[in-house]
Amino acid sequence: MVEIIQKDGTWTFDGDTVRIVPGSDKSVSPLRRTLGEVAVPLGALAGISFEPGKKAGRLRLRLRDGADPLLQITAGRLEDAWDPYRLSVEPGRTGVAEYFVDEVRHALLLEQVESGPLDGYVLPGPPLPITVGAGDGTATFDGERIRLEWNWKTEESKQAGGPRTLALDDVRAVEWLPAAGLENGYLRFRTTPEPVRTPPKHDPHAVELWGFRKDPLMALLAAAVVARLPHPYAAGTAQSAPAPSAQTRGTAGPDGSTGADDHDVLLRRLRELGELHQAGILTEDEFSTAKQAVLKRM
């Protein structure tokens, strides 16, 4: 087992699962603290990388499209500080981070894990029940119903209708968009039959978001709902051929290459496997399997 402990959190890998536990430091975002511990099975991974920096490096997990409802709803729009699959690494722990990356990549190669999209969620999404207050309202989801309640900042036209309760069976899509610049964001539930589309500030099925600290928590509630809706890549759904998400785009293999696998990276990986074999760390069968997996990518 390999482990790296930082202020942001603790990551461990036992050969089958990357377990992520958020840290208790005040810099850890509310989203990561609320989400809690996350267990990512090897089969959900598209790759892993370490990005060194002057003050701190970044350890990143890249998940396969369709593996996690949170990444599905946020579509690469989560800032780094809110991303549960990013770990800030102090300069003195660079070696540990690089070793962590090597161990995960080695396991991905040995298990010949595919990097393409999945047609079912592997991660379960945030635990229930969940309640989030942000923007002009508070949303609650218990697994069967979504309740939207308004606050004193809500537009009168929306507040006049009172709280709204939506049955999960009536929800056909969820939209989450963070505030950006002068543009407000929103969390919107699209239902069947769908009412006339109006701006989020007037839509009784939407919470308008203004870019404050708790806004990204609405993405957690959205993910909890999305996890219980039909998977967008499952056979028979409207979206059967997904485009790569912002998080996995350009990460075709576990070696961290982008687009088509980089030839130099694969050659370097072959040399590394050879050294591990010569050192007795890899058995003949393990070396042969990993070598064939690399050669197939060249």
C-alpha atoms as a PDB file:
ATOM      1  CA  MET A   1       0.000   0.000   0.000  1.00  0.00           C
ATOM      2  CA  VAL A   2       1.210   3.526  -0.780  1.00  0.00           C
ATOM      3  CA  GLU A   3       0.034   6.642   1.069  1.00  0.00           C
ATOM      4  CA  ILE A   4       0.561  10.385   0.850  1.00  0.00           C
ATOM      5  CA  ILE A   5      -0.580  12.701   3.660  1.00  0.00           C
ATOM      6  CA  GLN A   6      -0.952  16.448   3.053  1.00  0.00           C
ATOM      7  CA  LYS A   7      -2.886  19.375   4.529  1.00  0.00           C
ATOM      8  CA  ASP A   8      -5.455  18.999   1.732  1.00  0.00           C
ATOM      9  CA  GLY A   9      -6.057  15.372   2.604  1.00  0.00           C
ATOM     10  CA  THR A  10      -4.753  11.819   2.559  1.00  0.00           C
ATOM     11  CA  TRP A  11      -4.620   9.538  -0.473  1.00  0.00           C
ATOM     12  CA  THR A  12      -3.963   5.810  -0.169  1.00  0.00           C
ATOM     13  CA  PHE A  13      -3.740   3.111  -2.826  1.00  0.00           C
ATOM     14  CA  ASP A  14      -3.926  -0.591  -2.047  1.00  0.00           C
ATOM     15  CA  GLY A  15      -3.636  -1.915  -5.585  1.00  0.00           C
ATOM     16  CA  ASP A  16      -7.397  -1.900  -6.198  1.00  0.00           C
ATOM     17  CA  THR A  17      -8.749   1.410  -4.868  1.00  0.00           C
ATOM     18  CA  VAL A  18      -7.583   4.988  -4.449  1.00  0.00           C
ATOM     19  CA  ARG A  19      -9.079   6.177  -1.172  1.00  0.00           C
ATOM     20  CA  ILE A  20      -9.355   9.952  -0.711  1.00  0.00           C
ATOM     21  CA  VAL A  21      -9.939  11.467   2.732  1.00  0.00           C
ATOM     22  CA  PRO A  22     -10.222  15.288   2.901  1.00  0.00           C
ATOM     23  CA  GLY A  23      -7.950  17.103   5.336  1.00  0.00           C
ATOM     24  CA  SER A  24      -9.015  19.236   8.262  1.00  0.00           C
ATOM     25  CA  ASP A  25      -7.024  22.310   7.216  1.00  0.00           C
ATOM     26  CA  LYS A  26      -9.074  25.505   6.869  1.00  0.00           C
ATOM     27  CA  SER A  27      -8.049  25.739   3.219  1.00  0.00           C
ATOM     28  CA  VAL A  28     -10.017  22.571   2.368  1.00  0.00           C
ATOM     29  CA  SER A  29     -13.179  23.573   0.510  1.00  0.00           C
ATOM     30  CA  PRO A  30     -16.684  22.992   1.935  1.00  0.00           C
ATOM     31  CA  LEU A  31     -17.487  20.732  -1.022  1.00  0.00           C
ATOM     32  CA  ARG A  32     -14.621  18.352  -0.248  1.00  0.00           C
ATOM     33  CA  ARG A  33     -15.439  18.328   3.469  1.00  0.00           C
ATOM     34  CA  THR A  34     -19.140  17.716   2.801  1.00  0.00           C
ATOM     35  CA  LEU A  35     -18.478  14.971   0.274  1.00  0.00           C
ATOM     36  CA  GLY A  36     -16.231  13.187   2.764  1.00  0.00           C
ATOM     37  CA  GLU A  37     -14.231  10.067   1.998  1.00  0.00           C
ATOM     38  CA  VAL A  38     -14.273   8.889  -1.613  1.00  0.00           C
ATOM     39  CA  ALA A  39     -13.194   5.414  -2.758  1.00  0.00           C
ATOM     40  CA  VAL A  40     -12.262   5.277  -6.444  1.00  0.00           C
ATOM     41  CA  PRO A  41     -11.866   1.733  -7.827  1.00  0.00           C
ATOM     42  CA  LEU A  42      -9.101   1.120 -10.337  1.00  0.00           C
ATOM     43  CA  GLY A  43     -11.633   0.432 -13.086  1.00  0.00           C
ATOM     44  CA  ALA A  44     -12.987   3.993 -12.806  1.00  0.00           C
ATOM     45  CA  LEU A  45      -9.627   5.605 -13.584  1.00  0.00           C
ATOM     46  CA  ALA A  46      -8.493   7.022 -16.904  1.00  0.00           C
ATOM     47  CA  GLY A  47      -5.125   8.098 -15.519  1.00  0.00           C
ATOM     48  CA  ILE A  48      -3.135   9.964 -12.896  1.00  0.00           C
ATOM     49  CA  SER A  49      -0.526  12.710 -13.061  1.00  0.00           C
ATOM     50  CA  PHE A  50       1.702  14.839 -10.875  1.00  0.00           C
ATOM     51  CA  GLU A  51       2.317  18.456 -11.834  1.00  0.00           C
ATOM     52  CA  PRO A  52       5.295  19.957  -9.964  1.00  0.00           C
ATOM     53  CA  GLY A  53       5.204  23.632  -9.019  1.00  0.00           C
ATOM     54  CA  LYS A  54       7.402  26.238  -7.330  1.00  0.00           C
ATOM     55  CA  LYS A  55       5.351  26.478  -4.142  1.00  0.00           C
ATOM     56  CA  ALA A  56       3.326  23.280  -4.367  1.00  0.00           C
ATOM     57  CA  GLY A  57       2.724  20.483  -6.827  1.00  0.00           C
ATOM     58  CA  ARG A  58      -0.600  18.940  -7.811  1.00  0.00           C
ATOM     59  CA  LEU A  59      -1.537  15.297  -7.774  1.00  0.00           C
ATOM     60  CA  ARG A  60      -4.525  14.638 -10.028  1.00  0.00           C
ATOM     61  CA  LEU A  61      -6.745  11.657 -10.675  1.00  0.00           C
ATOM     62  CA  ARG A  62      -8.529  11.513 -14.013  1.00  0.00           C
ATOM     63  CA  LEU A  63     -11.702   9.465 -14.049  1.00  0.00           C
ATOM     64  CA  ARG A  64     -13.303   7.811 -17.034  1.00  0.00           C
ATOM     65  CA  ASP A  65     -16.260   9.611 -18.571  1.00  0.00           C
ATOM     66  CA  GLY A  66     -19.484   8.457 -16.982  1.00  0.00           C
ATOM     67  CA  ALA A  67     -17.840   7.030 -13.839  1.00  0.00           C
ATOM     68  CA  ASP A  68     -18.814   9.746 -11.350  1.00  0.00           C
ATOM     69  CA  PRO A  69     -22.119  11.673 -11.230  1.00  0.00           C
ATOM     70  CA  LEU A  70     -20.357  14.696  -9.693  1.00  0.00           C
ATOM     71  CA  LEU A  71     -17.976  15.010 -12.647  1.00  0.00           C
ATOM     72  CA  GLN A  72     -20.860  14.334 -15.016  1.00  0.00           C
ATOM     73  CA  ILE A  73     -22.891  17.285 -13.729  1.00  0.00           C
ATOM     74  CA  THR A  74     -19.973  19.706 -13.296  1.00  0.00           C
ATOM     75  CA  ALA A  75     -18.398  18.855 -16.688  1.00  0.00           C
ATOM     76  CA  GLY A  76     -14.962  20.243 -15.846  1.00  0.00           C
ATOM     77  CA  ARG A  77     -16.313  23.488 -14.370  1.00  0.00           C
ATOM     78  CA  LEU A  78     -15.178  22.874 -10.774  1.00  0.00           C
ATOM     79  CA  GLU A  79     -12.291  25.065  -9.688  1.00  0.00           C
ATOM     80  CA  ASP A  80      -9.167  23.262  -8.481  1.00  0.00           C
ATOM     81  CA  ALA A  81      -9.835  24.134  -4.847  1.00  0.00           C
ATOM     82  CA  TRP A  82     -13.203  22.333  -5.007  1.00  0.00           C
ATOM     83  CA  ASP A  83     -12.046  19.341  -7.054  1.00  0.00           C
ATOM     84  CA  PRO A  84     -11.998  16.205  -4.846  1.00  0.00           C
ATOM     85  CA  TYR A  85      -9.609  14.494  -7.277  1.00  0.00           C
ATOM     86  CA  ARG A  86      -6.821  17.029  -6.834  1.00  0.00           C
ATOM     87  CA  LEU A  87      -4.290  17.082  -3.994  1.00  0.00           C
ATOM     88  CA  SER A  88      -1.901  19.947  -3.278  1.00  0.00           C
ATOM     89  CA  VAL A  89       1.576  18.503  -2.591  1.00  0.00           C
ATOM     90  CA  GLU A  90       4.268  20.285  -0.574  1.00  0.00           C
ATOM     91  CA  PRO A  91       7.723  20.529  -2.232  1.00  0.00           C
ATOM     92  CA  GLY A  92       9.263  18.125   0.274  1.00  0.00           C
ATOM     93  CA  ARG A  93       6.786  15.385  -0.670  1.00  0.00           C
ATOM     94  CA  THR A  94       7.379  15.416  -4.414  1.00  0.00           C
ATOM     95  CA  GLY A  95       9.133  12.042  -4.327  1.00  0.00           C
ATOM     96  CA  VAL A  96       6.205  10.408  -2.528  1.00  0.00           C
ATOM     97  CA  ALA A  97       3.758  11.899  -5.041  1.00  0.00           C
ATOM     98  CA  GLU A  98       5.771  10.590  -7.982  1.00  0.00           C
ATOM     99  CA  TYR A  99       5.973   7.143  -6.372  1.00  0.00           C
ATOM    100  CA  PHE A 100       2.187   7.223  -5.836  1.00  0.00           C
ATOM    101  CA  VAL A 101       1.689   8.013  -9.538  1.00  0.00           C
ATOM    102  CA  ASP A 102       4.002   5.175 -10.586  1.00  0.00           C
ATOM    103  CA  GLU A 103       2.151   2.659  -8.415  1.00  0.00           C
ATOM    104  CA  VAL A 104      -1.255   3.595  -9.813  1.00  0.00           C
ATOM    105  CA  ARG A 105       0.012   3.624 -13.408  1.00  0.00           C
ATOM    106  CA  HIS A 106       1.684   0.280 -12.889  1.00  0.00           C
ATOM    107  CA  ALA A 107      -1.593  -1.205 -11.612  1.00  0.00           C
ATOM    108  CA  LEU A 108      -3.534   0.269 -14.547  1.00  0.00           C
ATOM    109  CA  LEU A 109      -1.093  -1.330 -16.977  1.00  0.00           C
ATOM    110  CA  LEU A 110      -1.073  -4.696 -15.248  1.00  0.00           C
ATOM    111  CA  GLU A 111      -4.874  -4.812 -15.101  1.00  0.00           C
ATOM    112  CA  GLN A 112      -5.123  -3.417 -18.651  1.00  0.00           C
ATOM    113  CA  VAL A 113      -7.833  -0.997 -17.542  1.00  0.00           C
ATOM    114  CA  GLU A 114      -9.598   0.657 -20.449  1.00  0.00           C
ATOM    115  CA  SER A 115      -9.748   4.458 -20.512  1.00  0.00           C
ATOM    116  CA  GLY A 116     -12.967   4.877 -22.510  1.00  0.00           C
ATOM    117  CA  PRO A 117     -16.371   6.014 -21.222  1.00  0.00           C
ATOM    118  CA  LEU A 118     -18.579   3.914 -18.951  1.00  0.00           C
ATOM    119  CA  ASP A 119     -22.310   3.307 -19.391  1.00  0.00           C
ATOM    120  CA  GLY A 120     -23.009   3.186 -15.660  1.00  0.00           C
ATOM    121  CA  TYR A 121     -21.849   5.145 -12.617  1.00  0.00           C
ATOM    122  CA  VAL A 122     -19.112   3.447 -10.599  1.00  0.00           C
ATOM    123  CA  LEU A 123     -19.157   6.008  -7.788  1.00  0.00           C
ATOM    124  CA  PRO A 124     -22.428   6.347  -5.839  1.00  0.00           C
ATOM    125  CA  GLY A 125     -22.521  10.121  -5.494  1.00  0.00           C
ATOM    126  CA  PRO A 126     -22.981  12.120  -2.252  1.00  0.00           C
ATOM    127  CA  PRO A 127     -24.750  10.423   0.673  1.00  0.00           C
ATOM    128  CA  LEU A 128     -28.407  11.153   1.410  1.00  0.00           C
ATOM    129  CA  PRO A 129     -30.326  13.007   2.623  1.00  0.00           C
ATOM    130  CA  ILE A 130     -28.643  16.206   1.495  1.00  0.00           C
ATOM    131  CA  THR A 131     -29.671  19.830   2.044  1.00  0.00           C
ATOM    132  CA  VAL A 132     -27.896  22.847   0.568  1.00  0.00           C
ATOM    133  CA  GLY A 133     -28.702  26.521   0.992  1.00  0.00           C
ATOM    134  CA  ALA A 134     -27.135  28.956  -1.493  1.00  0.00           C
ATOM    135  CA  GLY A 135     -28.158  31.755  -3.811  1.00  0.00           C
ATOM    136  CA  ASP A 136     -31.882  32.473  -3.659  1.00  0.00           C
ATOM    137  CA  GLY A 137     -33.016  29.175  -2.136  1.00  0.00           C
ATOM    138  CA  THR A 138     -32.481  25.925  -0.268  1.00  0.00           C
ATOM    139  CA  ALA A 139     -32.681  22.532  -1.960  1.00  0.00           C
ATOM    140  CA  THR A 140     -33.229  19.187  -0.201  1.00  0.00           C
ATOM    141  CA  PHE A 141     -33.118  15.698  -1.704  1.00  0.00           C
ATOM    142  CA  ASP A 142     -34.015  12.490   0.154  1.00  0.00           C
ATOM    143  CA  GLY A 143     -33.688  10.015  -2.698  1.00  0.00           C
ATOM    144  CA  GLU A 144     -37.313  10.286  -3.839  1.00  0.00           C
ATOM    145  CA  ARG A 145     -38.248  13.974  -3.686  1.00  0.00           C
ATOM    146  CA  ILE A 146     -36.565  17.321  -4.287  1.00  0.00           C
ATOM    147  CA  ARG A 147     -37.841  20.252  -2.251  1.00  0.00           C
ATOM    148  CA  LEU A 148     -37.021  23.846  -3.175  1.00  0.00           C
ATOM    149  CA  GLU A 149     -37.612  26.613  -0.632  1.00  0.00           C
ATOM    150  CA  TRP A 150     -37.009  30.315  -1.130  1.00  0.00           C
ATOM    151  CA  ASN A 151     -35.391  33.033   0.990  1.00  0.00           C
ATOM    152  CA  TRP A 152     -35.822  36.773   1.329  1.00  0.00           C
ATOM    153  CA  LYS A 153     -33.537  37.374  -1.665  1.00  0.00           C
ATOM    154  CA  THR A 154     -35.781  35.448  -4.080  1.00  0.00           C
ATOM    155  CA  GLU A 155     -37.607  37.357  -6.828  1.00  0.00           C
ATOM    156  CA  GLU A 156     -41.217  37.998  -5.865  1.00  0.00           C
ATOM    157  CA  SER A 157     -42.582  36.196  -8.938  1.00  0.00           C
ATOM    158  CA  LYS A 158     -40.915  32.960  -7.840  1.00  0.00           C
ATOM    159  CA  GLN A 159     -41.436  33.392  -4.117  1.00  0.00           C
ATOM    160  CA  ALA A 160     -45.183  33.930  -4.578  1.00  0.00           C
ATOM    161  CA  GLY A 161     -45.614  30.312  -5.672  1.00  0.00           C
ATOM    162  CA  GLY A 162     -44.212  29.037  -2.381  1.00  0.00           C
ATOM    163  CA  PRO A 163     -41.943  26.004  -1.912  1.00  0.00           C
ATOM    164  CA  ARG A 164     -41.824  23.415  -4.697  1.00  0.00           C
ATOM    165  CA  THR A 165     -41.617  19.624  -4.316  1.00  0.00           C
ATOM    166  CA  LEU A 166     -40.588  17.520  -7.319  1.00  0.00           C
ATOM    167  CA  ALA A 167     -40.828  13.746  -7.484  1.00  0.00           C
ATOM    168  CA  LEU A 168     -37.667  12.101  -8.808  1.00  0.00           C
ATOM    169  CA  ASP A 169     -39.765  10.237 -11.403  1.00  0.00           C
ATOM    170  CA  ASP A 170     -40.787  13.598 -12.889  1.00  0.00           C
ATOM    171  CA  VAL A 171     -37.206  14.851 -13.314  1.00  0.00           C
ATOM    172  CA  ARG A 172     -35.673  14.109 -16.690  1.00  0.00           C
ATOM    173  CA  ALA A 173     -32.509  16.236 -16.480  1.00  0.00           C
ATOM    174  CA  VAL A 174     -30.457  18.365 -14.077  1.00  0.00           C
ATOM    175  CA  GLU A 175     -28.408  21.416 -15.047  1.00  0.00           C
ATOM    176  CA  TRP A 176     -25.697  23.032 -12.918  1.00  0.00           C
ATOM    177  CA  LEU A 177     -23.749  26.088 -13.974  1.00  0.00           C
ATOM    178  CA  PRO A 178     -21.447  28.122 -11.698  1.00  0.00           C
ATOM    179  CA  ALA A 179     -21.465  31.899 -11.691  1.00  0.00           C
ATOM    180  CA  ALA A 180     -18.806  33.412 -13.950  1.00  0.00           C
ATOM    181  CA  GLY A 181     -17.901  37.079 -14.058  1.00  0.00           C
ATOM    182  CA  LEU A 182     -21.109  39.104 -14.167  1.00  0.00           C
ATOM    183  CA  GLU A 183     -23.186  36.073 -15.170  1.00  0.00           C
ATOM    184  CA  ASN A 184     -25.050  34.272 -12.395  1.00  0.00           C
ATOM    185  CA  GLY A 185     -25.118  30.494 -12.221  1.00  0.00           C
ATOM    186  CA  TYR A 186     -27.964  28.144 -11.396  1.00  0.00           C
ATOM    187  CA  LEU A 187     -29.156  24.689 -10.448  1.00  0.00           C
ATOM    188  CA  ARG A 188     -32.165  23.741 -12.569  1.00  0.00           C
ATOM    189  CA  PHE A 189     -34.391  20.657 -12.647  1.00  0.00           C
ATOM    190  CA  ARG A 190     -36.028  19.901 -15.969  1.00  0.00           C
ATOM    191  CA  THR A 191     -39.280  18.017 -15.616  1.00  0.00           C
ATOM    192  CA  THR A 192     -41.858  16.172 -17.702  1.00  0.00           C
ATOM    193  CA  PRO A 193     -44.012  17.885 -18.756  1.00  0.00           C
ATOM    194  CA  GLU A 194     -41.634  20.810 -18.762  1.00  0.00           C
ATOM    195  CA  PRO A 195     -42.970  24.310 -18.030  1.00  0.00           C
ATOM    196  CA  VAL A 196     -42.098  27.253 -20.226  1.00  0.00           C
ATOM    197  CA  ARG A 197     -38.377  27.978 -19.852  1.00  0.00           C
ATOM    198  CA  THR A 198     -37.708  31.187 -17.948  1.00  0.00           C
ATOM    199  CA  PRO A 199     -34.538  32.735 -16.497  1.00  0.00           C
ATOM    200  CA  PRO A 200     -33.390  30.995 -13.268  1.00  0.00           C
ATOM    201  CA  LYS A 201     -34.284  34.027 -11.154  1.00  0.00           C
ATOM    202  CA  HIS A 202     -37.950  33.486 -12.130  1.00  0.00           C
ATOM    203  CA  ASP A 203     -37.953  29.706 -12.648  1.00  0.00           C
ATOM    204  CA  PRO A 204     -39.676  27.842  -9.765  1.00  0.00           C
ATOM    205  CA  HIS A 205     -37.648  24.716 -10.665  1.00  0.00           C
ATOM    206  CA  ALA A 206     -34.293  26.511 -10.381  1.00  0.00           C
ATOM    207  CA  VAL A 207     -32.042  28.008  -7.718  1.00  0.00           C
ATOM    208  CA  GLU A 208     -30.126  31.055  -8.897  1.00  0.00           C
ATOM    209  CA  LEU A 209     -26.455  31.168  -7.806  1.00  0.00           C
ATOM    210  CA  TRP A 210     -24.463  34.361  -7.394  1.00  0.00           C
ATOM    211  CA  GLY A 211     -20.902  33.116  -7.031  1.00  0.00           C
ATOM    212  CA  PHE A 212     -20.681  32.940  -3.239  1.00  0.00           C
ATOM    213  CA  ARG A 213     -18.668  30.394  -1.254  1.00  0.00           C
ATOM    214  CA  LYS A 214     -21.415  27.788  -0.805  1.00  0.00           C
ATOM    215  CA  ASP A 215     -22.572  27.792  -4.429  1.00  0.00           C
ATOM    216  CA  PRO A 216     -20.546  24.706  -5.495  1.00  0.00           C
ATOM    217  CA  LEU A 217     -22.317  22.686  -2.792  1.00  0.00           C
ATOM    218  CA  MET A 218     -25.352  22.768  -5.084  1.00  0.00           C
ATOM    219  CA  ALA A 219     -23.287  20.598  -7.437  1.00  0.00           C
ATOM    220  CA  LEU A 220     -23.268  17.906  -4.740  1.00  0.00           C
ATOM    221  CA  LEU A 221     -27.055  17.918  -4.536  1.00  0.00           C
ATOM    222  CA  ALA A 222     -27.238  17.866  -8.327  1.00  0.00           C
ATOM    223  CA  ALA A 223     -24.882  14.865  -8.392  1.00  0.00           C
ATOM    224  CA  ALA A 224     -27.030  13.012  -5.843  1.00  0.00           C
ATOM    225  CA  VAL A 225     -30.037  13.429  -8.151  1.00  0.00           C
ATOM    226  CA  VAL A 226     -28.103  12.604 -11.336  1.00  0.00           C
ATOM    227  CA  ALA A 227     -26.818   9.378  -9.750  1.00  0.00           C
ATOM    228  CA  ARG A 228     -30.447   8.157  -9.597  1.00  0.00           C
ATOM    229  CA  LEU A 229     -31.447   9.140 -13.127  1.00  0.00           C
ATOM    230  CA  PRO A 230     -30.824   6.987 -16.230  1.00  0.00           C
ATOM    231  CA  HIS A 231     -27.143   7.074 -17.162  1.00  0.00           C
ATOM    232  CA  PRO A 232     -26.607   9.344 -20.202  1.00  0.00           C
ATOM    233  CA  TYR A 233     -24.323   6.815 -21.945  1.00  0.00           C
ATOM    234  CA  ALA A 234     -26.437   3.719 -21.328  1.00  0.00           C
ATOM    235  CA  ALA A 235     -27.863   1.895 -24.313  1.00  0.00           C
ATOM    236  CA  GLY A 236     -31.149   3.398 -25.445  1.00  0.00           C
ATOM    237  CA  THR A 237     -30.537   6.882 -24.031  1.00  0.00           C
ATOM    238  CA  ALA A 238     -30.404   9.959 -26.228  1.00  0.00           C
ATOM    239  CA  GLN A 239     -26.674  10.506 -25.617  1.00  0.00           C
ATOM    240  CA  SER A 240     -25.099   7.235 -26.745  1.00  0.00           C
ATOM    241  CA  ALA A 241     -21.756   8.464 -28.058  1.00  0.00           C
ATOM    242  CA  PRO A 242     -20.321  10.837 -25.432  1.00  0.00           C
ATOM    243  CA  ALA A 243     -17.655  13.389 -26.182  1.00  0.00           C
ATOM    244  CA  PRO A 244     -14.750  13.426 -23.725  1.00  0.00           C
ATOM    245  CA  SER A 245     -15.379  15.621 -20.689  1.00  0.00           C
ATOM    246  CA  ALA A 246     -13.063  18.459 -19.732  1.00  0.00           C
ATOM    247  CA  GLN A 247     -11.531  16.296 -17.020  1.00  0.00           C
ATOM    248  CA  THR A 248     -10.670  13.283 -19.215  1.00  0.00           C
ATOM    249  CA  ARG A 249     -10.225  14.988 -22.566  1.00  0.00           C
ATOM    250  CA  GLY A 250      -6.736  14.317 -23.873  1.00  0.00           C
ATOM    251  CA  THR A 251      -5.971  11.581 -21.336  1.00  0.00           C
ATOM    252  CA  ALA A 252      -6.146   8.476 -23.435  1.00  0.00           C
ATOM    253  CA  GLY A 253      -3.980   6.320 -21.213  1.00  0.00           C
ATOM    254  CA  PRO A 254      -2.838   5.907 -17.604  1.00  0.00           C
ATOM    255  CA  ASP A 255       0.638   7.156 -18.498  1.00  0.00           C
ATOM    256  CA  GLY A 256      -0.707  10.725 -18.559  1.00  0.00           C
ATOM    257  CA  SER A 257      -0.231  11.297 -22.289  1.00  0.00           C
ATOM    258  CA  THR A 258      -2.691  13.462 -24.199  1.00  0.00           C
ATOM    259  CA  GLY A 259      -4.488  12.685 -27.432  1.00  0.00           C
ATOM    260  CA  ALA A 260      -2.766   9.734 -29.100  1.00  0.00           C
ATOM    261  CA  ASP A 261      -0.324   8.117 -26.679  1.00  0.00           C
ATOM    262  CA  ASP A 262       2.998   9.933 -26.732  1.00  0.00           C
ATOM    263  CA  HIS A 263       5.687   7.647 -28.188  1.00  0.00           C
ATOM    264  CA  ASP A 264       8.464   8.901 -25.904  1.00  0.00           C
ATOM    265  CA  VAL A 265       6.337   8.349 -22.806  1.00  0.00           C
ATOM    266  CA  LEU A 266       5.618   4.769 -23.831  1.00  0.00           C
ATOM    267  CA  LEU A 267       9.289   4.066 -24.549  1.00  0.00           C
ATOM    268  CA  ARG A 268      10.183   5.432 -21.128  1.00  0.00           C
ATOM    269  CA  ARG A 269       7.527   3.228 -19.573  1.00  0.00           C
ATOM    270  CA  LEU A 270       9.001   0.162 -21.293  1.00  0.00           C
ATOM    271  CA  ARG A 271      12.406   1.018 -19.838  1.00  0.00           C
ATOM    272  CA  GLU A 272      10.876   1.415 -16.381  1.00  0.00           C
ATOM    273  CA  LEU A 273       9.154  -1.959 -16.654  1.00  0.00           C
ATOM    274  CA  GLY A 274      12.427  -3.546 -17.727  1.00  0.00           C
ATOM    275  CA  GLU A 275      14.210  -2.086 -14.707  1.00  0.00           C
ATOM    276  CA  LEU A 276      11.459  -3.325 -12.376  1.00  0.00           C
ATOM    277  CA  HIS A 277      11.763  -6.790 -13.906  1.00  0.00           C
ATOM    278  CA  GLN A 278      15.542  -6.863 -13.594  1.00  0.00           C
ATOM    279  CA  ALA A 279      15.281  -5.729  -9.972  1.00  0.00           C
ATOM    280  CA  GLY A 280      12.944  -8.632  -9.215  1.00  0.00           C
ATOM    281  CA  ILE A 281       9.963  -6.394  -8.413  1.00  0.00           C
ATOM    282  CA  LEU A 282       7.969  -7.733 -11.375  1.00  0.00           C
ATOM    283  CA  THR A 283       7.639 -11.435 -12.084  1.00  0.00           C
ATOM    284  CA  GLU A 284       8.117 -12.737 -15.615  1.00  0.00           C
ATOM    285  CA  ASP A 285       4.339 -12.966 -16.122  1.00  0.00           C
ATOM    286  CA  GLU A 286       3.709  -9.486 -14.713  1.00  0.00           C
ATOM    287  CA  PHE A 287       6.447  -8.018 -16.901  1.00  0.00           C
ATOM    288  CA  SER A 288       5.118  -9.757 -20.019  1.00  0.00           C
ATOM    289  CA  THR A 289       1.543  -8.603 -19.366  1.00  0.00           C
ATOM    290  CA  ALA A 290       2.534  -4.994 -18.701  1.00  0.00           C
ATOM    291  CA  LYS A 291       4.875  -4.943 -21.676  1.00  0.00           C
ATOM    292  CA  GLN A 292       2.156  -6.181 -24.032  1.00  0.00           C
ATOM    293  CA  ALA A 293      -0.239  -3.525 -22.692  1.00  0.00           C
ATOM    294  CA  VAL A 294       2.293  -0.794 -23.524  1.00  0.00           C
ATOM    295  CA  LEU A 295       3.132  -2.222 -26.947  1.00  0.00           C
ATOM    296  CA  LYS A 296      -0.549  -2.231 -27.891  1.00  0.00           C
ATOM    297  CA  ARG A 297      -0.636   1.537 -27.354  1.00  0.00           C
ATOM    298  CA  MET A 298       2.355   2.224 -29.635  1.00  0.00           C
END
